[in-house]
Amino acid sequence: MARAFTFSSLVDQGEHLALGLGSYLRPLTGTPVVRVHSECLTGDVFRSRRCDCGSQLEESMAAVASTGGYLLYLRQEGRGIGLYAKLDAYGLQDQGLDTFEANMALGYDEDPRDYRVAAQMLIALGVNRVDLLTGNPRKASELASWGIGISGVFPTRRHETSENTHYLAAKMSRGHRFHPQAPVSPVDQHLYS
């Protein structure tokens, strides 16, 4: 069970969504676990094996629900370039470019997403400190720059398929991290039990 929170007057005027899960079905005090997840129609809905998005979403929802917190679902398809451009980027990836290079070849920044909207959502929810579930270091640094305290950062697991090995390697080359297969701390054991 989840509680959906909608927002108006966000900086980008987008229709982003927060889901309160576990003990955060209603706003409470304490440090919630938060996953900031960018929309991925191909991975989240159609379960594409070219990326790890659907698996990360599934893992994150279970982890957040078990500990209590929020899943922020941001309308940032294709690292912020949109669905149609993302499909064009797939064609370039089939020719050997990685996901970041393909975005640049199409005239976009390699990752034009902005997480200020996520900070606005958290502030509207009354959250000023989080345990962040992500392997993307930019999410933590951008949230912190917009006033959200980061108590801890916990990467998702590496959801590798034969089709996404190159994709995951490209993410790692840009500083993304993945959770080890075995829990390494009491907090990890709580998140991944």
N, C-alpha and C. Protein backbone atom coordinates (compact mmCIF):
# COMPACT_ATOMS: atom_id res chain seq x y z
N MET A 1 0.83 -1.17 0.00
CA MET A 1 0.00 0.00 0.00
C MET A 1 0.89 1.25 0.00
N ALA A 2 0.47 2.25 -0.71
CA ALA A 2 1.24 3.49 -0.81
C ALA A 2 0.29 4.67 -0.75
N ARG A 3 0.84 5.80 -0.37
CA ARG A 3 0.09 7.05 -0.42
C ARG A 3 0.75 7.93 -1.46
N ALA A 4 -0.02 8.41 -2.44
CA ALA A 4 0.53 9.25 -3.50
C ALA A 4 0.42 10.72 -3.12
N PHE A 5 1.50 11.46 -3.38
CA PHE A 5 1.53 12.90 -3.15
C PHE A 5 1.79 13.57 -4.49
N THR A 6 0.96 14.55 -4.83
CA THR A 6 1.15 15.32 -6.05
C THR A 6 1.55 16.74 -5.68
N PHE A 7 2.09 17.47 -6.64
CA PHE A 7 2.66 18.77 -6.37
C PHE A 7 2.25 19.77 -7.46
N SER A 8 2.16 21.02 -7.07
CA SER A 8 1.96 22.09 -8.04
C SER A 8 3.05 23.13 -7.80
N SER A 9 3.31 23.95 -8.78
CA SER A 9 4.30 25.03 -8.69
C SER A 9 5.73 24.53 -8.51
N LEU A 10 6.04 23.36 -9.03
CA LEU A 10 7.43 22.90 -9.01
C LEU A 10 8.22 23.69 -10.05
N VAL A 11 9.52 23.78 -9.86
CA VAL A 11 10.37 24.63 -10.68
C VAL A 11 10.24 24.33 -12.17
N ASP A 12 10.03 23.06 -12.54
CA ASP A 12 9.94 22.72 -13.96
C ASP A 12 8.51 22.53 -14.44
N GLN A 13 7.53 22.76 -13.57
CA GLN A 13 6.11 22.62 -13.89
C GLN A 13 5.74 21.19 -14.29
N GLY A 14 6.61 20.21 -13.99
CA GLY A 14 6.35 18.82 -14.35
C GLY A 14 5.36 18.16 -13.42
N GLU A 15 4.81 17.04 -13.88
CA GLU A 15 3.89 16.24 -13.07
C GLU A 15 4.66 15.08 -12.45
N HIS A 16 5.38 15.38 -11.38
CA HIS A 16 6.17 14.39 -10.67
C HIS A 16 5.33 13.84 -9.52
N LEU A 17 5.71 12.69 -9.01
CA LEU A 17 4.91 12.01 -8.01
C LEU A 17 5.79 11.50 -6.88
N ALA A 18 5.31 11.60 -5.66
CA ALA A 18 5.97 10.98 -4.51
C ALA A 18 5.04 9.91 -3.97
N LEU A 19 5.60 8.75 -3.67
CA LEU A 19 4.84 7.69 -3.03
C LEU A 19 5.38 7.51 -1.62
N GLY A 20 4.50 7.65 -0.62
CA GLY A 20 4.87 7.34 0.76
C GLY A 20 4.67 5.85 0.97
N LEU A 21 5.71 5.18 1.42
CA LEU A 21 5.67 3.73 1.58
C LEU A 21 6.05 3.35 3.01
N GLY A 22 5.55 2.22 3.48
CA GLY A 22 5.88 1.77 4.82
C GLY A 22 5.34 2.73 5.87
N SER A 23 6.17 3.06 6.84
CA SER A 23 5.72 3.94 7.93
C SER A 23 5.52 5.38 7.49
N TYR A 24 5.82 5.69 6.23
CA TYR A 24 5.64 7.06 5.73
C TYR A 24 4.41 7.18 4.84
N LEU A 25 3.41 6.34 5.09
CA LEU A 25 2.15 6.51 4.38
C LEU A 25 1.54 7.86 4.73
N ARG A 26 1.91 8.38 5.87
CA ARG A 26 1.54 9.74 6.26
C ARG A 26 2.82 10.39 6.78
N PRO A 27 2.98 11.69 6.71
CA PRO A 27 4.21 12.33 7.16
C PRO A 27 4.47 12.06 8.65
N LEU A 28 5.65 11.63 8.96
CA LEU A 28 6.09 11.37 10.33
C LEU A 28 7.43 12.05 10.56
N THR A 29 7.90 12.02 11.79
CA THR A 29 9.23 12.56 12.08
C THR A 29 10.26 11.46 11.86
N GLY A 30 11.53 11.84 11.78
CA GLY A 30 12.61 10.88 11.58
C GLY A 30 13.23 11.03 10.22
N THR A 31 14.17 10.15 9.93
CA THR A 31 14.89 10.19 8.66
C THR A 31 14.34 9.11 7.73
N PRO A 32 13.62 9.48 6.70
CA PRO A 32 13.08 8.47 5.79
C PRO A 32 14.12 7.99 4.78
N VAL A 33 13.92 6.79 4.29
CA VAL A 33 14.69 6.30 3.14
C VAL A 33 14.00 6.87 1.91
N VAL A 34 14.78 7.44 0.99
CA VAL A 34 14.22 8.07 -0.21
C VAL A 34 14.93 7.53 -1.45
N ARG A 35 14.16 7.19 -2.44
CA ARG A 35 14.67 6.84 -3.76
C ARG A 35 14.18 7.91 -4.73
N VAL A 36 15.10 8.57 -5.42
CA VAL A 36 14.76 9.50 -6.49
C VAL A 36 14.94 8.71 -7.78
N HIS A 37 13.83 8.41 -8.45
CA HIS A 37 13.85 7.54 -9.62
C HIS A 37 13.35 8.30 -10.84
N SER A 38 14.14 8.31 -11.88
CA SER A 38 13.74 8.96 -13.13
C SER A 38 12.91 7.99 -13.97
N GLU A 39 11.81 8.48 -14.47
CA GLU A 39 10.91 7.71 -15.32
C GLU A 39 11.68 7.00 -16.44
N CYS A 40 11.31 5.74 -16.67
CA CYS A 40 11.89 4.98 -17.77
C CYS A 40 10.79 4.05 -18.29
N LEU A 41 10.03 4.53 -19.26
CA LEU A 41 8.92 3.74 -19.79
C LEU A 41 9.41 2.38 -20.29
N THR A 42 10.52 2.36 -21.01
CA THR A 42 11.00 1.11 -21.58
C THR A 42 11.42 0.11 -20.50
N GLY A 43 12.03 0.59 -19.43
CA GLY A 43 12.48 -0.30 -18.37
C GLY A 43 11.45 -0.54 -17.29
N ASP A 44 10.79 0.53 -16.83
CA ASP A 44 9.84 0.41 -15.73
C ASP A 44 8.57 -0.32 -16.14
N VAL A 45 8.10 -0.06 -17.35
CA VAL A 45 6.82 -0.64 -17.78
C VAL A 45 7.03 -1.85 -18.69
N PHE A 46 7.87 -1.69 -19.72
CA PHE A 46 8.04 -2.76 -20.70
C PHE A 46 9.17 -3.72 -20.35
N ARG A 47 9.87 -3.44 -19.23
CA ARG A 47 10.90 -4.33 -18.69
C ARG A 47 12.06 -4.58 -19.67
N SER A 48 12.46 -3.52 -20.36
CA SER A 48 13.61 -3.62 -21.26
C SER A 48 14.82 -4.14 -20.49
N ARG A 49 15.59 -4.99 -21.14
CA ARG A 49 16.81 -5.52 -20.53
C ARG A 49 18.03 -4.68 -20.93
N ARG A 50 17.81 -3.60 -21.69
CA ARG A 50 18.91 -2.71 -22.10
C ARG A 50 19.39 -1.84 -20.95
N CYS A 51 18.56 -1.69 -19.91
CA CYS A 51 18.90 -0.87 -18.77
C CYS A 51 18.59 -1.65 -17.49
N ASP A 52 18.80 -1.02 -16.36
CA ASP A 52 18.49 -1.65 -15.08
C ASP A 52 17.38 -0.91 -14.35
N CYS A 53 16.68 -0.02 -15.04
CA CYS A 53 15.71 0.87 -14.40
C CYS A 53 14.55 0.14 -13.73
N GLY A 54 13.93 -0.78 -14.45
CA GLY A 54 12.80 -1.51 -13.87
C GLY A 54 13.20 -2.31 -12.65
N SER A 55 14.36 -2.94 -12.71
CA SER A 55 14.84 -3.72 -11.57
C SER A 55 15.20 -2.81 -10.40
N GLN A 56 15.80 -1.65 -10.69
CA GLN A 56 16.10 -0.69 -9.62
C GLN A 56 14.81 -0.19 -8.97
N LEU A 57 13.80 0.09 -9.77
CA LEU A 57 12.53 0.57 -9.24
C LEU A 57 11.90 -0.48 -8.32
N GLU A 58 11.88 -1.71 -8.78
CA GLU A 58 11.30 -2.80 -7.99
C GLU A 58 12.06 -2.98 -6.67
N GLU A 59 13.39 -3.02 -6.75
CA GLU A 59 14.23 -3.17 -5.56
C GLU A 59 14.01 -2.00 -4.60
N SER A 60 13.97 -0.80 -5.14
CA SER A 60 13.83 0.41 -4.32
C SER A 60 12.49 0.46 -3.61
N MET A 61 11.43 0.11 -4.32
CA MET A 61 10.11 0.14 -3.69
C MET A 61 10.05 -0.84 -2.52
N ALA A 62 10.64 -2.01 -2.68
CA ALA A 62 10.65 -2.99 -1.59
C ALA A 62 11.49 -2.48 -0.41
N ALA A 63 12.66 -1.90 -0.71
CA ALA A 63 13.53 -1.40 0.37
C ALA A 63 12.88 -0.23 1.10
N VAL A 64 12.29 0.70 0.36
CA VAL A 64 11.65 1.86 0.99
C VAL A 64 10.45 1.41 1.80
N ALA A 65 9.64 0.50 1.28
CA ALA A 65 8.47 0.02 2.00
C ALA A 65 8.86 -0.69 3.29
N SER A 66 9.98 -1.42 3.27
CA SER A 66 10.37 -2.17 4.46
C SER A 66 10.91 -1.28 5.56
N THR A 67 11.44 -0.12 5.21
CA THR A 67 12.03 0.77 6.21
C THR A 67 11.20 2.02 6.45
N GLY A 68 10.38 2.40 5.50
CA GLY A 68 9.57 3.61 5.58
C GLY A 68 10.24 4.76 4.88
N GLY A 69 9.55 5.36 3.95
CA GLY A 69 10.13 6.49 3.24
C GLY A 69 9.33 6.86 2.01
N TYR A 70 10.03 7.44 1.06
CA TYR A 70 9.38 7.97 -0.14
C TYR A 70 10.10 7.52 -1.40
N LEU A 71 9.33 7.21 -2.41
CA LEU A 71 9.84 7.02 -3.76
C LEU A 71 9.41 8.26 -4.53
N LEU A 72 10.38 9.04 -5.02
CA LEU A 72 10.09 10.20 -5.85
C LEU A 72 10.22 9.75 -7.30
N TYR A 73 9.13 9.79 -8.03
CA TYR A 73 9.12 9.36 -9.44
C TYR A 73 9.13 10.60 -10.30
N LEU A 74 10.30 10.89 -10.89
CA LEU A 74 10.49 12.11 -11.67
C LEU A 74 10.26 11.85 -13.14
N ARG A 75 9.56 12.74 -13.80
CA ARG A 75 9.26 12.63 -15.22
C ARG A 75 10.46 13.12 -16.02
N GLN A 76 11.51 12.30 -16.06
CA GLN A 76 12.77 12.65 -16.72
C GLN A 76 13.20 11.51 -17.64
N GLU A 77 12.32 11.12 -18.51
CA GLU A 77 12.58 10.00 -19.42
C GLU A 77 13.88 10.19 -20.18
N GLY A 78 14.64 9.11 -20.31
CA GLY A 78 15.86 9.13 -21.12
C GLY A 78 16.93 10.08 -20.59
N ARG A 79 17.14 10.06 -19.28
CA ARG A 79 18.08 11.00 -18.63
C ARG A 79 17.70 12.44 -18.93
N GLY A 80 16.41 12.67 -19.09
CA GLY A 80 15.93 14.03 -19.28
C GLY A 80 15.78 14.48 -20.72
N ILE A 81 16.01 13.59 -21.70
CA ILE A 81 15.91 14.01 -23.10
C ILE A 81 14.55 13.68 -23.73
N GLY A 82 13.73 12.90 -23.04
CA GLY A 82 12.42 12.55 -23.55
C GLY A 82 12.39 11.19 -24.23
N LEU A 83 11.21 10.66 -24.37
CA LEU A 83 11.04 9.31 -24.90
C LEU A 83 11.49 9.17 -26.34
N TYR A 84 11.08 10.08 -27.21
CA TYR A 84 11.42 9.94 -28.63
C TYR A 84 12.93 10.06 -28.85
N ALA A 85 13.55 11.02 -28.19
CA ALA A 85 15.01 11.16 -28.32
C ALA A 85 15.72 9.94 -27.73
N LYS A 86 15.16 9.39 -26.67
CA LYS A 86 15.75 8.18 -26.08
C LYS A 86 15.72 7.03 -27.08
N LEU A 87 14.61 6.90 -27.81
CA LEU A 87 14.54 5.84 -28.82
C LEU A 87 15.57 6.07 -29.93
N ASP A 88 15.79 7.35 -30.29
CA ASP A 88 16.86 7.67 -31.25
C ASP A 88 18.23 7.30 -30.67
N ALA A 89 18.40 7.55 -29.38
CA ALA A 89 19.67 7.21 -28.72
C ALA A 89 19.90 5.71 -28.73
N TYR A 90 18.83 4.92 -28.63
CA TYR A 90 18.96 3.46 -28.71
C TYR A 90 19.62 3.06 -30.03
N GLY A 91 19.20 3.71 -31.13
CA GLY A 91 19.80 3.41 -32.44
C GLY A 91 21.30 3.69 -32.44
N LEU A 92 21.70 4.78 -31.81
CA LEU A 92 23.13 5.11 -31.73
C LEU A 92 23.87 4.13 -30.82
N GLN A 93 23.20 3.67 -29.78
CA GLN A 93 23.82 2.67 -28.91
C GLN A 93 24.02 1.35 -29.66
N ASP A 94 23.10 1.04 -30.55
CA ASP A 94 23.25 -0.18 -31.37
C ASP A 94 24.47 -0.08 -32.29
N GLN A 95 24.92 1.17 -32.56
CA GLN A 95 26.10 1.39 -33.39
C GLN A 95 27.38 1.48 -32.56
N GLY A 96 27.28 1.31 -31.22
CA GLY A 96 28.48 1.26 -30.39
C GLY A 96 28.64 2.39 -29.39
N LEU A 97 27.81 3.44 -29.46
CA LEU A 97 27.93 4.51 -28.47
C LEU A 97 27.30 4.07 -27.15
N ASP A 98 27.82 4.61 -26.04
CA ASP A 98 27.14 4.32 -24.78
C ASP A 98 26.00 5.32 -24.59
N THR A 99 25.24 5.15 -23.53
CA THR A 99 24.05 5.98 -23.31
C THR A 99 24.38 7.47 -23.21
N PHE A 100 25.51 7.79 -22.60
CA PHE A 100 25.91 9.19 -22.44
C PHE A 100 26.39 9.77 -23.78
N GLU A 101 27.20 9.00 -24.48
CA GLU A 101 27.70 9.44 -25.79
C GLU A 101 26.56 9.63 -26.78
N ALA A 102 25.56 8.74 -26.72
CA ALA A 102 24.42 8.84 -27.63
C ALA A 102 23.65 10.14 -27.38
N ASN A 103 23.45 10.48 -26.11
CA ASN A 103 22.77 11.75 -25.80
C ASN A 103 23.53 12.92 -26.39
N MET A 104 24.85 12.91 -26.25
CA MET A 104 25.67 14.01 -26.75
C MET A 104 25.64 14.05 -28.28
N ALA A 105 25.64 12.88 -28.92
CA ALA A 105 25.58 12.85 -30.38
C ALA A 105 24.26 13.42 -30.91
N LEU A 106 23.22 13.36 -30.08
CA LEU A 106 21.92 13.92 -30.46
C LEU A 106 21.81 15.41 -30.11
N GLY A 107 22.87 15.97 -29.55
CA GLY A 107 22.87 17.40 -29.23
C GLY A 107 22.46 17.75 -27.81
N TYR A 108 22.37 16.75 -26.94
CA TYR A 108 22.01 16.98 -25.54
C TYR A 108 23.26 16.88 -24.67
N ASP A 109 23.16 17.36 -23.43
CA ASP A 109 24.19 17.06 -22.45
C ASP A 109 24.14 15.56 -22.20
N GLU A 110 25.23 15.00 -21.69
CA GLU A 110 25.22 13.55 -21.48
C GLU A 110 24.17 13.13 -20.44
N ASP A 111 23.87 14.00 -19.49
CA ASP A 111 22.83 13.72 -18.51
C ASP A 111 22.25 15.05 -18.04
N PRO A 112 21.25 15.59 -18.76
CA PRO A 112 20.73 16.91 -18.44
C PRO A 112 19.73 16.97 -17.28
N ARG A 113 19.58 15.88 -16.52
CA ARG A 113 18.61 15.90 -15.43
C ARG A 113 19.01 16.91 -14.36
N ASP A 114 17.99 17.45 -13.71
CA ASP A 114 18.15 18.42 -12.63
C ASP A 114 17.34 17.90 -11.45
N TYR A 115 17.98 17.80 -10.28
CA TYR A 115 17.30 17.22 -9.12
C TYR A 115 16.74 18.28 -8.17
N ARG A 116 16.72 19.53 -8.60
CA ARG A 116 16.14 20.58 -7.76
C ARG A 116 14.67 20.28 -7.49
N VAL A 117 13.96 19.75 -8.47
CA VAL A 117 12.56 19.42 -8.29
C VAL A 117 12.39 18.37 -7.19
N ALA A 118 13.31 17.42 -7.07
CA ALA A 118 13.24 16.42 -6.01
C ALA A 118 13.40 17.08 -4.64
N ALA A 119 14.31 18.04 -4.55
CA ALA A 119 14.48 18.77 -3.29
C ALA A 119 13.21 19.54 -2.95
N GLN A 120 12.58 20.16 -3.95
CA GLN A 120 11.33 20.88 -3.71
C GLN A 120 10.24 19.93 -3.19
N MET A 121 10.17 18.75 -3.76
CA MET A 121 9.17 17.77 -3.34
C MET A 121 9.41 17.36 -1.89
N LEU A 122 10.66 17.10 -1.54
CA LEU A 122 10.97 16.69 -0.17
C LEU A 122 10.64 17.81 0.82
N ILE A 123 11.00 19.02 0.48
CA ILE A 123 10.69 20.15 1.36
C ILE A 123 9.18 20.28 1.55
N ALA A 124 8.41 20.12 0.46
CA ALA A 124 6.96 20.18 0.56
C ALA A 124 6.40 19.07 1.45
N LEU A 125 7.08 17.94 1.49
CA LEU A 125 6.68 16.82 2.35
C LEU A 125 7.14 17.00 3.79
N GLY A 126 7.91 18.06 4.05
CA GLY A 126 8.42 18.30 5.39
C GLY A 126 9.67 17.50 5.71
N VAL A 127 10.36 17.06 4.67
CA VAL A 127 11.57 16.24 4.84
C VAL A 127 12.79 17.10 4.56
N ASN A 128 13.70 17.18 5.51
CA ASN A 128 14.93 17.95 5.28
C ASN A 128 16.19 17.10 5.43
N ARG A 129 16.04 15.82 5.76
CA ARG A 129 17.18 14.90 5.87
C ARG A 129 16.71 13.52 5.42
N VAL A 130 17.56 12.83 4.64
CA VAL A 130 17.17 11.53 4.09
C VAL A 130 18.32 10.54 4.14
N ASP A 131 17.96 9.27 4.12
CA ASP A 131 18.87 8.19 3.75
C ASP A 131 18.55 7.94 2.28
N LEU A 132 19.50 8.19 1.40
CA LEU A 132 19.25 8.19 -0.04
C LEU A 132 19.62 6.85 -0.65
N LEU A 133 18.69 6.26 -1.38
CA LEU A 133 18.90 4.98 -2.05
C LEU A 133 19.25 5.27 -3.50
N THR A 134 20.55 5.32 -3.82
CA THR A 134 21.02 5.63 -5.17
C THR A 134 22.48 5.23 -5.32
N GLY A 135 22.87 4.97 -6.54
CA GLY A 135 24.28 4.78 -6.87
C GLY A 135 24.84 5.95 -7.64
N ASN A 136 23.99 6.97 -7.88
CA ASN A 136 24.37 8.13 -8.68
C ASN A 136 24.84 9.25 -7.74
N PRO A 137 26.13 9.56 -7.73
CA PRO A 137 26.64 10.57 -6.79
C PRO A 137 26.06 11.97 -7.04
N ARG A 138 25.63 12.25 -8.26
CA ARG A 138 25.04 13.56 -8.55
C ARG A 138 23.75 13.80 -7.77
N LYS A 139 22.97 12.75 -7.56
CA LYS A 139 21.71 12.93 -6.84
C LYS A 139 21.98 13.43 -5.43
N ALA A 140 22.92 12.81 -4.74
CA ALA A 140 23.23 13.23 -3.36
C ALA A 140 23.79 14.64 -3.33
N SER A 141 24.71 14.95 -4.23
CA SER A 141 25.33 16.28 -4.19
C SER A 141 24.32 17.37 -4.56
N GLU A 142 23.46 17.11 -5.54
CA GLU A 142 22.47 18.12 -5.92
C GLU A 142 21.41 18.31 -4.83
N LEU A 143 20.94 17.22 -4.24
CA LEU A 143 19.98 17.38 -3.15
C LEU A 143 20.58 18.18 -2.01
N ALA A 144 21.83 17.88 -1.67
CA ALA A 144 22.51 18.62 -0.60
C ALA A 144 22.65 20.09 -0.96
N SER A 145 22.94 20.38 -2.23
CA SER A 145 23.10 21.78 -2.63
C SER A 145 21.79 22.56 -2.55
N TRP A 146 20.66 21.85 -2.55
CA TRP A 146 19.35 22.49 -2.44
C TRP A 146 18.79 22.38 -1.03
N GLY A 147 19.65 22.03 -0.06
CA GLY A 147 19.24 22.10 1.35
C GLY A 147 18.74 20.82 1.97
N ILE A 148 18.86 19.70 1.30
CA ILE A 148 18.44 18.42 1.87
C ILE A 148 19.66 17.74 2.48
N GLY A 149 19.59 17.45 3.77
CA GLY A 149 20.68 16.74 4.44
C GLY A 149 20.70 15.28 4.03
N ILE A 150 21.88 14.76 3.83
CA ILE A 150 22.04 13.36 3.42
C ILE A 150 22.68 12.61 4.58
N SER A 151 21.90 11.77 5.26
CA SER A 151 22.42 11.00 6.39
C SER A 151 23.26 9.81 5.91
N GLY A 152 22.85 9.21 4.80
CA GLY A 152 23.57 8.07 4.24
C GLY A 152 23.17 7.87 2.80
N VAL A 153 24.06 7.25 2.03
CA VAL A 153 23.80 6.93 0.63
C VAL A 153 23.96 5.43 0.48
N PHE A 154 22.94 4.78 -0.07
CA PHE A 154 22.92 3.33 -0.20
C PHE A 154 22.63 2.96 -1.65
N PRO A 155 23.63 2.48 -2.39
CA PRO A 155 23.42 2.13 -3.80
C PRO A 155 22.49 0.93 -3.96
N THR A 156 21.81 0.90 -5.09
CA THR A 156 21.03 -0.28 -5.44
C THR A 156 21.99 -1.36 -5.92
N ARG A 157 21.47 -2.55 -6.04
CA ARG A 157 22.29 -3.67 -6.51
C ARG A 157 22.56 -3.54 -8.00
N ARG A 158 23.52 -4.30 -8.49
CA ARG A 158 23.86 -4.34 -9.91
C ARG A 158 22.93 -5.36 -10.57
N HIS A 159 22.01 -4.88 -11.37
CA HIS A 159 21.04 -5.74 -12.06
C HIS A 159 21.53 -5.94 -13.49
N GLU A 160 22.43 -6.88 -13.66
CA GLU A 160 23.09 -7.06 -14.95
C GLU A 160 22.40 -8.13 -15.79
N THR A 161 22.26 -7.82 -17.07
CA THR A 161 21.78 -8.78 -18.06
C THR A 161 22.81 -8.78 -19.19
N SER A 162 22.69 -9.73 -20.08
CA SER A 162 23.62 -9.75 -21.21
C SER A 162 23.43 -8.52 -22.09
N GLU A 163 22.24 -7.93 -22.06
CA GLU A 163 21.94 -6.77 -22.90
C GLU A 163 22.36 -5.43 -22.28
N ASN A 164 22.60 -5.37 -20.97
CA ASN A 164 22.91 -4.07 -20.35
C ASN A 164 24.32 -3.96 -19.79
N THR A 165 25.19 -4.90 -20.08
CA THR A 165 26.55 -4.86 -19.54
C THR A 165 27.27 -3.57 -19.94
N HIS A 166 27.17 -3.18 -21.20
CA HIS A 166 27.82 -1.96 -21.70
C HIS A 166 27.21 -0.73 -21.03
N TYR A 167 25.91 -0.73 -20.84
CA TYR A 167 25.20 0.36 -20.17
C TYR A 167 25.69 0.54 -18.73
N LEU A 168 25.78 -0.57 -17.99
CA LEU A 168 26.23 -0.49 -16.60
C LEU A 168 27.69 -0.05 -16.52
N ALA A 169 28.52 -0.51 -17.45
CA ALA A 169 29.92 -0.09 -17.47
C ALA A 169 30.03 1.41 -17.73
N ALA A 170 29.18 1.94 -18.60
CA ALA A 170 29.19 3.38 -18.88
C ALA A 170 28.80 4.16 -17.63
N LYS A 171 27.81 3.67 -16.89
CA LYS A 171 27.41 4.34 -15.65
C LYS A 171 28.56 4.32 -14.65
N MET A 172 29.21 3.18 -14.50
CA MET A 172 30.32 3.07 -13.54
C MET A 172 31.48 3.97 -13.93
N SER A 173 31.71 4.14 -15.23
CA SER A 173 32.81 5.01 -15.67
C SER A 173 32.55 6.47 -15.32
N ARG A 174 31.31 6.79 -15.01
CA ARG A 174 30.94 8.15 -14.62
C ARG A 174 30.62 8.26 -13.14
N GLY A 175 31.13 7.30 -12.35
CA GLY A 175 31.06 7.39 -10.90
C GLY A 175 29.90 6.70 -10.22
N HIS A 176 29.04 6.04 -10.98
CA HIS A 176 27.93 5.33 -10.34
C HIS A 176 28.47 4.12 -9.58
N ARG A 177 27.82 3.81 -8.48
CA ARG A 177 28.21 2.66 -7.67
C ARG A 177 27.04 1.70 -7.54
N PHE A 178 27.36 0.46 -7.25
CA PHE A 178 26.34 -0.54 -7.02
C PHE A 178 26.58 -1.18 -5.66
N HIS A 179 25.51 -1.62 -5.03
CA HIS A 179 25.59 -2.27 -3.73
C HIS A 179 26.24 -3.63 -3.90
N PRO A 180 27.15 -3.99 -2.97
CA PRO A 180 27.72 -5.34 -3.05
C PRO A 180 26.63 -6.39 -2.83
N GLN A 181 26.86 -7.58 -3.27
CA GLN A 181 25.84 -8.61 -3.16
C GLN A 181 25.53 -8.99 -1.71
N ALA A 182 26.52 -8.85 -0.83
CA ALA A 182 26.28 -9.16 0.59
C ALA A 182 26.21 -7.85 1.37
N PRO A 183 25.29 -7.74 2.34
CA PRO A 183 25.23 -6.53 3.16
C PRO A 183 26.56 -6.28 3.85
N VAL A 184 26.95 -5.00 3.96
CA VAL A 184 28.24 -4.67 4.55
C VAL A 184 28.13 -3.88 5.84
N SER A 185 26.93 -3.49 6.25
CA SER A 185 26.77 -2.75 7.50
C SER A 185 25.40 -3.06 8.07
N PRO A 186 25.17 -2.75 9.36
CA PRO A 186 23.85 -2.98 9.94
C PRO A 186 22.75 -2.23 9.19
N VAL A 187 23.03 -1.02 8.69
CA VAL A 187 22.02 -0.28 7.94
C VAL A 187 21.69 -1.03 6.66
N ASP A 188 22.73 -1.54 5.97
CA ASP A 188 22.49 -2.30 4.75
C ASP A 188 21.65 -3.54 5.04
N GLN A 189 21.93 -4.20 6.16
CA GLN A 189 21.16 -5.39 6.51
C GLN A 189 19.71 -5.02 6.72
N HIS A 190 19.46 -3.86 7.33
CA HIS A 190 18.09 -3.41 7.54
C HIS A 190 17.41 -3.09 6.20
N LEU A 191 18.14 -2.41 5.31
CA LEU A 191 17.56 -2.06 4.01
C LEU A 191 17.34 -3.26 3.12
N TYR A 192 18.21 -4.25 3.21
CA TYR A 192 18.17 -5.36 2.25
C TYR A 192 17.86 -6.69 2.90
N SER A 193 17.17 -6.70 4.03
CA SER A 193 16.84 -7.96 4.65
C SER A 193 15.62 -8.58 4.03
